[in-house]
Amino acid sequence: MFHAKALASFDDELFAHPLQEITRKQQRILHHLAQGASGDEIADALGITRDGVNFHLRKIYSKLSKGNAAAAIAAATRLGIA
């Protein structure tokens, strides 16, 4: 039986945001972002527009409940997807 204290020790994002919610394209964007690529560089590498990168970044931030790139990269790294 789980105790509330034990459950509280788990990282909330693992429960709230299963990995299936992050698409392959979003994983690739996170990977490039974690490598220090700019939005324009990511767009060029993936063959999408800068607006497309920004769209996916907003989705990523929402799915990971993070408000910026640094926090999203940290969360994605902990989840093993960046």
C-alpha atoms as a PDB file:
ATOM      1  CA  MET A   1       0.000   0.000   0.000  1.00  0.00           C
ATOM      2  CA  PHE A   2       1.298   3.452  -0.924  1.00  0.00           C
ATOM      3  CA  HIS A   3       1.426   6.147   1.661  1.00  0.00           C
ATOM      4  CA  ALA A   4       0.790   9.782   0.821  1.00  0.00           C
ATOM      5  CA  LYS A   5       4.315  10.635   1.932  1.00  0.00           C
ATOM      6  CA  ALA A   6       5.816   8.085  -0.460  1.00  0.00           C
ATOM      7  CA  LEU A   7       3.686   9.324  -3.341  1.00  0.00           C
ATOM      8  CA  ALA A   8       4.700  12.915  -2.629  1.00  0.00           C
ATOM      9  CA  SER A   9       8.345  11.951  -3.122  1.00  0.00           C
ATOM     10  CA  PHE A  10       7.753  10.971  -6.762  1.00  0.00           C
ATOM     11  CA  ASP A  11       8.285  13.594  -9.429  1.00  0.00           C
ATOM     12  CA  ASP A  12       4.784  14.888 -10.298  1.00  0.00           C
ATOM     13  CA  GLU A  13       5.592  15.291 -13.984  1.00  0.00           C
ATOM     14  CA  LEU A  14       6.089  11.537 -14.336  1.00  0.00           C
ATOM     15  CA  PHE A  15       2.458  11.011 -13.373  1.00  0.00           C
ATOM     16  CA  ALA A  16       0.893  14.074 -14.964  1.00  0.00           C
ATOM     17  CA  HIS A  17       2.663  13.826 -18.313  1.00  0.00           C
ATOM     18  CA  PRO A  18       3.292  10.338 -19.677  1.00  0.00           C
ATOM     19  CA  LEU A  19       6.019  10.137 -22.280  1.00  0.00           C
ATOM     20  CA  GLN A  20       3.460   9.207 -24.932  1.00  0.00           C
ATOM     21  CA  GLU A  21       2.215  12.800 -24.887  1.00  0.00           C
ATOM     22  CA  ILE A  22       5.540  14.114 -26.188  1.00  0.00           C
ATOM     23  CA  THR A  23       5.649  13.463 -29.930  1.00  0.00           C
ATOM     24  CA  ARG A  24       8.774  12.313 -31.785  1.00  0.00           C
ATOM     25  CA  LYS A  25       9.081  15.753 -33.384  1.00  0.00           C
ATOM     26  CA  GLN A  26       8.834  17.383 -29.963  1.00  0.00           C
ATOM     27  CA  GLN A  27      11.488  14.997 -28.639  1.00  0.00           C
ATOM     28  CA  ARG A  28      13.762  16.002 -31.527  1.00  0.00           C
ATOM     29  CA  ILE A  29      13.126  19.676 -30.774  1.00  0.00           C
ATOM     30  CA  LEU A  30      13.974  19.091 -27.100  1.00  0.00           C
ATOM     31  CA  HIS A  31      17.148  17.265 -28.111  1.00  0.00           C
ATOM     32  CA  HIS A  32      18.295  20.134 -30.343  1.00  0.00           C
ATOM     33  CA  LEU A  33      17.327  22.673 -27.684  1.00  0.00           C
ATOM     34  CA  ALA A  34      19.320  20.765 -25.045  1.00  0.00           C
ATOM     35  CA  GLN A  35      22.323  20.848 -27.415  1.00  0.00           C
ATOM     36  CA  GLY A  36      22.097  24.646 -27.457  1.00  0.00           C
ATOM     37  CA  ALA A  37      20.540  25.072 -30.898  1.00  0.00           C
ATOM     38  CA  SER A  38      18.608  28.245 -31.610  1.00  0.00           C
ATOM     39  CA  GLY A  39      15.025  28.225 -32.841  1.00  0.00           C
ATOM     40  CA  ASP A  40      16.235  28.976 -36.376  1.00  0.00           C
ATOM     41  CA  GLU A  41      18.792  26.154 -36.228  1.00  0.00           C
ATOM     42  CA  ILE A  42      16.133  23.734 -34.999  1.00  0.00           C
ATOM     43  CA  ALA A  43      13.799  24.799 -37.802  1.00  0.00           C
ATOM     44  CA  ASP A  44      16.524  24.238 -40.403  1.00  0.00           C
ATOM     45  CA  ALA A  45      17.520  20.859 -38.959  1.00  0.00           C
ATOM     46  CA  LEU A  46      13.940  19.575 -38.902  1.00  0.00           C
ATOM     47  CA  GLY A  47      12.773  21.202 -42.125  1.00  0.00           C
ATOM     48  CA  ILE A  48      10.019  23.216 -40.444  1.00  0.00           C
ATOM     49  CA  THR A  49       9.408  26.918 -39.998  1.00  0.00           C
ATOM     50  CA  ARG A  50      10.469  28.935 -36.979  1.00  0.00           C
ATOM     51  CA  ASP A  51       6.744  29.372 -36.232  1.00  0.00           C
ATOM     52  CA  GLY A  52       6.458  25.584 -36.243  1.00  0.00           C
ATOM     53  CA  VAL A  53       9.285  25.316 -33.714  1.00  0.00           C
ATOM     54  CA  ASN A  54       7.605  27.917 -31.510  1.00  0.00           C
ATOM     55  CA  PHE A  55       4.275  26.061 -31.768  1.00  0.00           C
ATOM     56  CA  HIS A  56       5.907  22.823 -30.641  1.00  0.00           C
ATOM     57  CA  LEU A  57       7.823  24.576 -27.856  1.00  0.00           C
ATOM     58  CA  ARG A  58       4.573  25.968 -26.443  1.00  0.00           C
ATOM     59  CA  LYS A  59       3.084  22.452 -26.560  1.00  0.00           C
ATOM     60  CA  ILE A  60       6.181  20.999 -24.885  1.00  0.00           C
ATOM     61  CA  TYR A  61       6.108  23.605 -22.106  1.00  0.00           C
ATOM     62  CA  SER A  62       2.438  22.881 -21.523  1.00  0.00           C
ATOM     63  CA  LYS A  63       2.866  19.100 -21.508  1.00  0.00           C
ATOM     64  CA  LEU A  64       5.780  19.301 -19.088  1.00  0.00           C
ATOM     65  CA  SER A  65       4.156  22.070 -17.016  1.00  0.00           C
ATOM     66  CA  LYS A  66       7.214  24.255 -17.533  1.00  0.00           C
ATOM     67  CA  GLY A  67       7.332  27.889 -18.518  1.00  0.00           C
ATOM     68  CA  ASN A  68      10.679  28.174 -20.253  1.00  0.00           C
ATOM     69  CA  ALA A  69      13.310  26.302 -22.203  1.00  0.00           C
ATOM     70  CA  ALA A  70      15.695  25.706 -19.292  1.00  0.00           C
ATOM     71  CA  ALA A  71      12.981  24.142 -17.118  1.00  0.00           C
ATOM     72  CA  ALA A  72      11.663  22.066 -20.035  1.00  0.00           C
ATOM     73  CA  ILE A  73      15.165  20.776 -20.843  1.00  0.00           C
ATOM     74  CA  ALA A  74      15.745  19.852 -17.194  1.00  0.00           C
ATOM     75  CA  ALA A  75      12.412  18.005 -17.003  1.00  0.00           C
ATOM     76  CA  ALA A  76      12.977  16.260 -20.329  1.00  0.00           C
ATOM     77  CA  THR A  77      16.456  15.200 -19.244  1.00  0.00           C
ATOM     78  CA  ARG A  78      15.061  13.706 -16.039  1.00  0.00           C
ATOM     79  CA  LEU A  79      12.477  11.860 -18.133  1.00  0.00           C
ATOM     80  CA  GLY A  80      15.146  10.632 -20.541  1.00  0.00           C
ATOM     81  CA  ILE A  81      13.722  12.339 -23.623  1.00  0.00           C
ATOM     82  CA  ALA A  82      16.239  15.129 -24.249  1.00  0.00           C
END
